[in-house]
Amino acid sequence: MNISGAAKAAGLPVKTVRYYADIGLVQPSARTAAGYRDYDEAAMRKLSFVGRARGFGFSIAQCRELLGLYQDEHRSSAEVKQIASARLDDIRAKQRELQALHDELEHLVGACCGDERPDCPIIDYLS
């Protein structure tokens, strides 16, 4: 399958598929006589795997690790769980940060009259 077909099947932009190949994350299975990238079923599974992993916010390095574990029939699920648990911890920390931002901004918006007067607690806080 050519790169555009592979990208469409994996639900990824062509540029992303090309990038993954360029950094050695997911290599095309071969090159055509004309030099075009060609993706077989195994490469397509890897592209889809990485696409889903990136959807969860795993970094390229984490995707590389997970892909290595995906290909290792003797892997330990504990290794996979450790990587996923670390990502979950990151998400929880980000949620706490976002909740704190939400609460603070909600307070400021509630304190602002939003009328024609120049007094504004939002501006005061930011200044």
N, C-alpha and C. Protein backbone atom coordinates (compact mmCIF):
# COMPACT_ATOMS: atom_id res chain seq x y z
N MET A 1 0.85 -1.17 0.00
CA MET A 1 0.00 0.00 0.00
C MET A 1 0.90 1.24 0.00
N ASN A 2 0.55 2.20 -0.83
CA ASN A 2 1.36 3.42 -0.89
C ASN A 2 1.11 4.27 0.35
N ILE A 3 1.90 5.31 0.48
CA ILE A 3 1.86 6.11 1.70
C ILE A 3 0.51 6.80 1.91
N SER A 4 -0.12 7.27 0.84
CA SER A 4 -1.41 7.94 1.03
C SER A 4 -2.48 6.94 1.44
N GLY A 5 -2.45 5.74 0.89
CA GLY A 5 -3.39 4.70 1.28
C GLY A 5 -3.15 4.26 2.72
N ALA A 6 -1.87 4.14 3.09
CA ALA A 6 -1.51 3.75 4.45
C ALA A 6 -1.96 4.81 5.44
N ALA A 7 -1.74 6.06 5.10
CA ALA A 7 -2.14 7.16 5.97
C ALA A 7 -3.65 7.16 6.16
N LYS A 8 -4.38 7.01 5.08
CA LYS A 8 -5.84 7.01 5.16
C LYS A 8 -6.34 5.83 5.99
N ALA A 9 -5.78 4.65 5.76
CA ALA A 9 -6.20 3.46 6.50
C ALA A 9 -5.89 3.57 7.99
N ALA A 10 -4.79 4.22 8.32
CA ALA A 10 -4.38 4.37 9.73
C ALA A 10 -5.03 5.60 10.39
N GLY A 11 -5.69 6.43 9.58
CA GLY A 11 -6.31 7.64 10.12
C GLY A 11 -5.30 8.70 10.50
N LEU A 12 -4.21 8.76 9.74
CA LEU A 12 -3.13 9.71 10.02
C LEU A 12 -2.86 10.57 8.78
N PRO A 13 -2.35 11.77 8.98
CA PRO A 13 -1.93 12.57 7.83
C PRO A 13 -0.70 11.94 7.16
N VAL A 14 -0.59 12.10 5.86
CA VAL A 14 0.56 11.58 5.12
C VAL A 14 1.86 12.11 5.71
N LYS A 15 1.86 13.39 6.07
CA LYS A 15 3.06 14.00 6.64
C LYS A 15 3.50 13.28 7.92
N THR A 16 2.54 12.85 8.73
CA THR A 16 2.84 12.13 9.97
C THR A 16 3.44 10.76 9.66
N VAL A 17 2.87 10.06 8.70
CA VAL A 17 3.38 8.74 8.32
C VAL A 17 4.81 8.88 7.80
N ARG A 18 5.05 9.90 6.99
CA ARG A 18 6.39 10.15 6.47
C ARG A 18 7.36 10.46 7.63
N TYR A 19 6.90 11.26 8.58
CA TYR A 19 7.73 11.60 9.75
C TYR A 19 8.07 10.35 10.55
N TYR A 20 7.09 9.49 10.79
CA TYR A 20 7.34 8.26 11.53
C TYR A 20 8.39 7.39 10.82
N ALA A 21 8.34 7.37 9.50
CA ALA A 21 9.33 6.62 8.74
C ALA A 21 10.70 7.28 8.85
N ASP A 22 10.73 8.60 8.73
CA ASP A 22 12.00 9.34 8.78
C ASP A 22 12.73 9.19 10.11
N ILE A 23 11.97 9.07 11.22
CA ILE A 23 12.60 8.93 12.53
C ILE A 23 12.77 7.45 12.92
N GLY A 24 12.40 6.56 12.02
CA GLY A 24 12.59 5.13 12.28
C GLY A 24 11.58 4.52 13.23
N LEU A 25 10.45 5.18 13.42
CA LEU A 25 9.43 4.64 14.32
C LEU A 25 8.64 3.53 13.64
N VAL A 26 8.12 3.82 12.47
CA VAL A 26 7.43 2.81 11.66
C VAL A 26 7.96 2.92 10.24
N GLN A 27 8.71 1.93 9.86
CA GLN A 27 9.33 1.92 8.53
C GLN A 27 8.39 1.29 7.51
N PRO A 28 8.41 1.78 6.28
CA PRO A 28 7.67 1.07 5.24
C PRO A 28 8.31 -0.31 5.05
N SER A 29 7.52 -1.26 4.62
CA SER A 29 8.05 -2.61 4.46
C SER A 29 9.00 -2.70 3.28
N ALA A 30 8.82 -1.83 2.31
CA ALA A 30 9.67 -1.86 1.12
C ALA A 30 9.56 -0.53 0.39
N ARG A 31 10.31 -0.44 -0.68
CA ARG A 31 10.20 0.70 -1.60
C ARG A 31 9.87 0.14 -2.97
N THR A 32 9.02 0.84 -3.68
CA THR A 32 8.69 0.41 -5.03
C THR A 32 9.89 0.68 -5.94
N ALA A 33 9.81 0.18 -7.15
CA ALA A 33 10.88 0.41 -8.13
C ALA A 33 11.10 1.90 -8.36
N ALA A 34 10.02 2.67 -8.21
CA ALA A 34 10.11 4.11 -8.39
C ALA A 34 10.58 4.82 -7.12
N GLY A 35 10.80 4.07 -6.05
CA GLY A 35 11.30 4.65 -4.81
C GLY A 35 10.24 5.09 -3.82
N TYR A 36 8.99 4.80 -4.12
CA TYR A 36 7.91 5.17 -3.20
C TYR A 36 7.82 4.20 -2.03
N ARG A 37 7.42 4.73 -0.88
CA ARG A 37 7.24 3.89 0.29
C ARG A 37 6.06 2.94 0.08
N ASP A 38 6.24 1.70 0.54
CA ASP A 38 5.20 0.69 0.40
C ASP A 38 4.98 0.05 1.77
N TYR A 39 3.74 0.05 2.23
CA TYR A 39 3.40 -0.46 3.55
C TYR A 39 2.60 -1.76 3.43
N ASP A 40 3.11 -2.81 4.09
CA ASP A 40 2.38 -4.07 4.11
C ASP A 40 1.46 -4.11 5.34
N GLU A 41 0.80 -5.23 5.54
CA GLU A 41 -0.15 -5.36 6.64
C GLU A 41 0.51 -5.17 8.01
N ALA A 42 1.70 -5.71 8.19
CA ALA A 42 2.40 -5.58 9.48
C ALA A 42 2.74 -4.12 9.75
N ALA A 43 3.22 -3.40 8.74
CA ALA A 43 3.54 -1.97 8.90
C ALA A 43 2.27 -1.18 9.18
N MET A 44 1.18 -1.58 8.55
CA MET A 44 -0.10 -0.90 8.78
C MET A 44 -0.56 -1.09 10.22
N ARG A 45 -0.39 -2.28 10.76
CA ARG A 45 -0.77 -2.52 12.16
C ARG A 45 0.08 -1.63 13.09
N LYS A 46 1.35 -1.50 12.77
CA LYS A 46 2.23 -0.65 13.58
C LYS A 46 1.81 0.82 13.49
N LEU A 47 1.48 1.27 12.29
CA LEU A 47 1.03 2.65 12.12
C LEU A 47 -0.24 2.91 12.93
N SER A 48 -1.18 2.00 12.86
CA SER A 48 -2.43 2.14 13.62
C SER A 48 -2.15 2.13 15.11
N PHE A 49 -1.25 1.25 15.53
CA PHE A 49 -0.87 1.16 16.95
C PHE A 49 -0.31 2.49 17.43
N VAL A 50 0.64 3.02 16.68
CA VAL A 50 1.27 4.29 17.06
C VAL A 50 0.25 5.43 17.03
N GLY A 51 -0.62 5.42 16.03
CA GLY A 51 -1.65 6.45 15.96
C GLY A 51 -2.55 6.44 17.19
N ARG A 52 -2.96 5.27 17.62
CA ARG A 52 -3.80 5.17 18.82
C ARG A 52 -3.01 5.58 20.07
N ALA A 53 -1.76 5.16 20.14
CA ALA A 53 -0.92 5.53 21.29
C ALA A 53 -0.74 7.05 21.36
N ARG A 54 -0.50 7.67 20.22
CA ARG A 54 -0.35 9.13 20.19
C ARG A 54 -1.66 9.80 20.58
N GLY A 55 -2.78 9.18 20.22
CA GLY A 55 -4.08 9.70 20.62
C GLY A 55 -4.25 9.76 22.13
N PHE A 56 -3.58 8.87 22.84
CA PHE A 56 -3.59 8.88 24.30
C PHE A 56 -2.54 9.83 24.86
N GLY A 57 -1.79 10.46 23.97
CA GLY A 57 -0.80 11.44 24.41
C GLY A 57 0.56 10.86 24.75
N PHE A 58 0.80 9.60 24.39
CA PHE A 58 2.14 9.04 24.63
C PHE A 58 3.13 9.77 23.74
N SER A 59 4.30 10.04 24.29
CA SER A 59 5.36 10.72 23.53
C SER A 59 5.91 9.77 22.46
N ILE A 60 6.69 10.31 21.56
CA ILE A 60 7.32 9.48 20.54
C ILE A 60 8.21 8.43 21.21
N ALA A 61 8.95 8.84 22.23
CA ALA A 61 9.82 7.88 22.94
C ALA A 61 8.99 6.78 23.58
N GLN A 62 7.88 7.15 24.20
CA GLN A 62 7.00 6.14 24.80
C GLN A 62 6.39 5.24 23.73
N CYS A 63 6.02 5.82 22.60
CA CYS A 63 5.49 5.02 21.50
C CYS A 63 6.53 4.03 21.00
N ARG A 64 7.77 4.47 20.93
CA ARG A 64 8.85 3.58 20.51
C ARG A 64 8.98 2.41 21.48
N GLU A 65 8.90 2.73 22.77
CA GLU A 65 8.96 1.69 23.81
C GLU A 65 7.78 0.74 23.71
N LEU A 66 6.59 1.30 23.59
CA LEU A 66 5.38 0.47 23.49
C LEU A 66 5.39 -0.38 22.23
N LEU A 67 5.85 0.19 21.15
CA LEU A 67 5.93 -0.55 19.89
C LEU A 67 6.91 -1.71 20.02
N GLY A 68 8.02 -1.47 20.71
CA GLY A 68 8.97 -2.55 20.96
C GLY A 68 8.34 -3.66 21.79
N LEU A 69 7.54 -3.29 22.78
CA LEU A 69 6.86 -4.29 23.61
C LEU A 69 5.77 -5.00 22.80
N TYR A 70 5.09 -4.26 21.93
CA TYR A 70 4.06 -4.84 21.06
C TYR A 70 4.65 -5.95 20.19
N GLN A 71 5.87 -5.71 19.72
CA GLN A 71 6.51 -6.68 18.83
C GLN A 71 7.20 -7.82 19.59
N ASP A 72 7.37 -7.68 20.90
CA ASP A 72 8.06 -8.68 21.71
C ASP A 72 7.05 -9.67 22.29
N GLU A 73 7.05 -10.88 21.78
CA GLU A 73 6.11 -11.89 22.25
C GLU A 73 6.41 -12.32 23.69
N HIS A 74 7.59 -12.02 24.17
CA HIS A 74 7.99 -12.41 25.53
C HIS A 74 7.91 -11.24 26.50
N ARG A 75 7.19 -10.20 26.10
CA ARG A 75 7.07 -9.01 26.94
C ARG A 75 6.36 -9.34 28.25
N SER A 76 6.60 -8.48 29.19
CA SER A 76 5.89 -8.55 30.46
C SER A 76 4.81 -7.47 30.44
N SER A 77 3.59 -7.85 30.78
CA SER A 77 2.54 -6.83 30.81
C SER A 77 2.84 -5.78 31.87
N ALA A 78 3.67 -6.13 32.85
CA ALA A 78 4.05 -5.16 33.88
C ALA A 78 4.79 -3.98 33.26
N GLU A 79 5.61 -4.23 32.24
CA GLU A 79 6.33 -3.15 31.56
C GLU A 79 5.36 -2.22 30.85
N VAL A 80 4.37 -2.82 30.20
CA VAL A 80 3.38 -2.03 29.48
C VAL A 80 2.57 -1.20 30.48
N LYS A 81 2.16 -1.85 31.56
CA LYS A 81 1.37 -1.16 32.58
C LYS A 81 2.14 -0.01 33.20
N GLN A 82 3.43 -0.18 33.39
CA GLN A 82 4.25 0.88 33.97
C GLN A 82 4.25 2.12 33.08
N ILE A 83 4.39 1.93 31.79
CA ILE A 83 4.40 3.05 30.85
C ILE A 83 3.03 3.73 30.83
N ALA A 84 1.98 2.91 30.78
CA ALA A 84 0.62 3.46 30.74
C ALA A 84 0.28 4.16 32.07
N SER A 85 0.73 3.59 33.17
CA SER A 85 0.47 4.20 34.48
C SER A 85 1.16 5.55 34.60
N ALA A 86 2.37 5.65 34.09
CA ALA A 86 3.09 6.93 34.10
C ALA A 86 2.33 7.97 33.28
N ARG A 87 1.80 7.57 32.14
CA ARG A 87 1.02 8.50 31.30
C ARG A 87 -0.25 8.91 32.03
N LEU A 88 -0.89 7.95 32.70
CA LEU A 88 -2.10 8.26 33.46
C LEU A 88 -1.80 9.26 34.59
N ASP A 89 -0.66 9.10 35.23
CA ASP A 89 -0.25 10.06 36.27
C ASP A 89 -0.07 11.45 35.67
N ASP A 90 0.54 11.52 34.48
CA ASP A 90 0.70 12.81 33.80
C ASP A 90 -0.64 13.45 33.51
N ILE A 91 -1.59 12.64 33.06
CA ILE A 91 -2.93 13.15 32.73
C ILE A 91 -3.61 13.67 33.99
N ARG A 92 -3.49 12.92 35.07
CA ARG A 92 -4.10 13.35 36.34
C ARG A 92 -3.50 14.68 36.82
N ALA A 93 -2.19 14.81 36.69
CA ALA A 93 -1.53 16.06 37.09
C ALA A 93 -2.03 17.21 36.23
N LYS A 94 -2.16 16.97 34.93
CA LYS A 94 -2.65 18.00 34.02
C LYS A 94 -4.09 18.37 34.36
N GLN A 95 -4.90 17.37 34.72
CA GLN A 95 -6.29 17.65 35.12
C GLN A 95 -6.33 18.55 36.35
N ARG A 96 -5.45 18.28 37.32
CA ARG A 96 -5.41 19.12 38.52
C ARG A 96 -5.00 20.55 38.16
N GLU A 97 -4.03 20.69 37.28
CA GLU A 97 -3.60 22.02 36.84
C GLU A 97 -4.75 22.74 36.14
N LEU A 98 -5.42 22.04 35.26
CA LEU A 98 -6.53 22.64 34.52
C LEU A 98 -7.68 23.00 35.46
N GLN A 99 -7.95 22.15 36.44
CA GLN A 99 -9.02 22.45 37.40
C GLN A 99 -8.68 23.70 38.20
N ALA A 100 -7.42 23.84 38.61
CA ALA A 100 -7.01 25.03 39.35
C ALA A 100 -7.16 26.27 38.47
N LEU A 101 -6.76 26.18 37.20
CA LEU A 101 -6.94 27.31 36.28
C LEU A 101 -8.41 27.63 36.10
N HIS A 102 -9.21 26.60 35.93
CA HIS A 102 -10.65 26.78 35.77
C HIS A 102 -11.24 27.51 36.97
N ASP A 103 -10.91 27.03 38.16
CA ASP A 103 -11.47 27.61 39.38
C ASP A 103 -11.07 29.07 39.53
N GLU A 104 -9.81 29.36 39.28
CA GLU A 104 -9.33 30.74 39.41
C GLU A 104 -10.00 31.65 38.38
N LEU A 105 -10.04 31.20 37.14
CA LEU A 105 -10.65 32.02 36.09
C LEU A 105 -12.15 32.18 36.31
N GLU A 106 -12.80 31.12 36.77
CA GLU A 106 -14.23 31.21 37.06
C GLU A 106 -14.48 32.25 38.16
N HIS A 107 -13.62 32.26 39.16
CA HIS A 107 -13.74 33.25 40.23
C HIS A 107 -13.58 34.67 39.67
N LEU A 108 -12.57 34.86 38.84
CA LEU A 108 -12.32 36.19 38.27
C LEU A 108 -13.47 36.64 37.38
N VAL A 109 -13.97 35.74 36.55
CA VAL A 109 -15.09 36.09 35.67
C VAL A 109 -16.32 36.44 36.50
N GLY A 110 -16.55 35.68 37.57
CA GLY A 110 -17.67 35.96 38.45
C GLY A 110 -17.54 37.29 39.18
N ALA A 111 -16.32 37.70 39.46
CA ALA A 111 -16.08 38.95 40.18
C ALA A 111 -16.14 40.17 39.27
N CYS A 112 -16.09 39.95 37.98
CA CYS A 112 -16.10 41.07 37.03
C CYS A 112 -17.55 41.43 36.69
N CYS A 113 -17.88 42.71 36.81
CA CYS A 113 -19.24 43.16 36.51
C CYS A 113 -19.55 43.10 35.02
N GLY A 114 -18.54 43.25 34.22
CA GLY A 114 -18.75 43.20 32.77
C GLY A 114 -19.62 44.33 32.25
N ASP A 115 -19.51 45.47 32.89
CA ASP A 115 -20.32 46.62 32.46
C ASP A 115 -19.42 47.67 31.80
N GLU A 116 -19.88 48.88 31.76
CA GLU A 116 -19.16 49.96 31.08
C GLU A 116 -18.06 50.58 31.92
N ARG A 117 -17.99 50.22 33.21
CA ARG A 117 -16.96 50.79 34.07
C ARG A 117 -15.59 50.19 33.74
N PRO A 118 -14.52 50.95 33.99
CA PRO A 118 -13.18 50.44 33.69
C PRO A 118 -12.64 49.46 34.73
N ASP A 119 -13.24 49.43 35.91
CA ASP A 119 -12.77 48.52 36.95
C ASP A 119 -12.98 47.07 36.50
N CYS A 120 -11.90 46.30 36.60
CA CYS A 120 -12.01 44.90 36.16
C CYS A 120 -11.06 44.04 36.98
N PRO A 121 -11.59 43.13 37.78
CA PRO A 121 -10.72 42.26 38.58
C PRO A 121 -9.85 41.34 37.73
N ILE A 122 -10.27 41.05 36.54
CA ILE A 122 -9.46 40.20 35.66
C ILE A 122 -8.19 40.94 35.27
N ILE A 123 -8.35 42.18 34.83
CA ILE A 123 -7.19 43.01 34.48
C ILE A 123 -6.32 43.24 35.69
N ASP A 124 -6.96 43.51 36.84
CA ASP A 124 -6.20 43.74 38.07
C ASP A 124 -5.35 42.52 38.42
N TYR A 125 -5.93 41.36 38.30
CA TYR A 125 -5.20 40.12 38.63
C TYR A 125 -4.03 39.89 37.67
N LEU A 126 -4.26 40.13 36.40
CA LEU A 126 -3.23 39.89 35.41
C LEU A 126 -2.11 40.92 35.44
N SER A 127 -2.39 42.08 36.01
CA SER A 127 -1.37 43.14 36.01
C SER A 127 -0.41 43.05 37.14
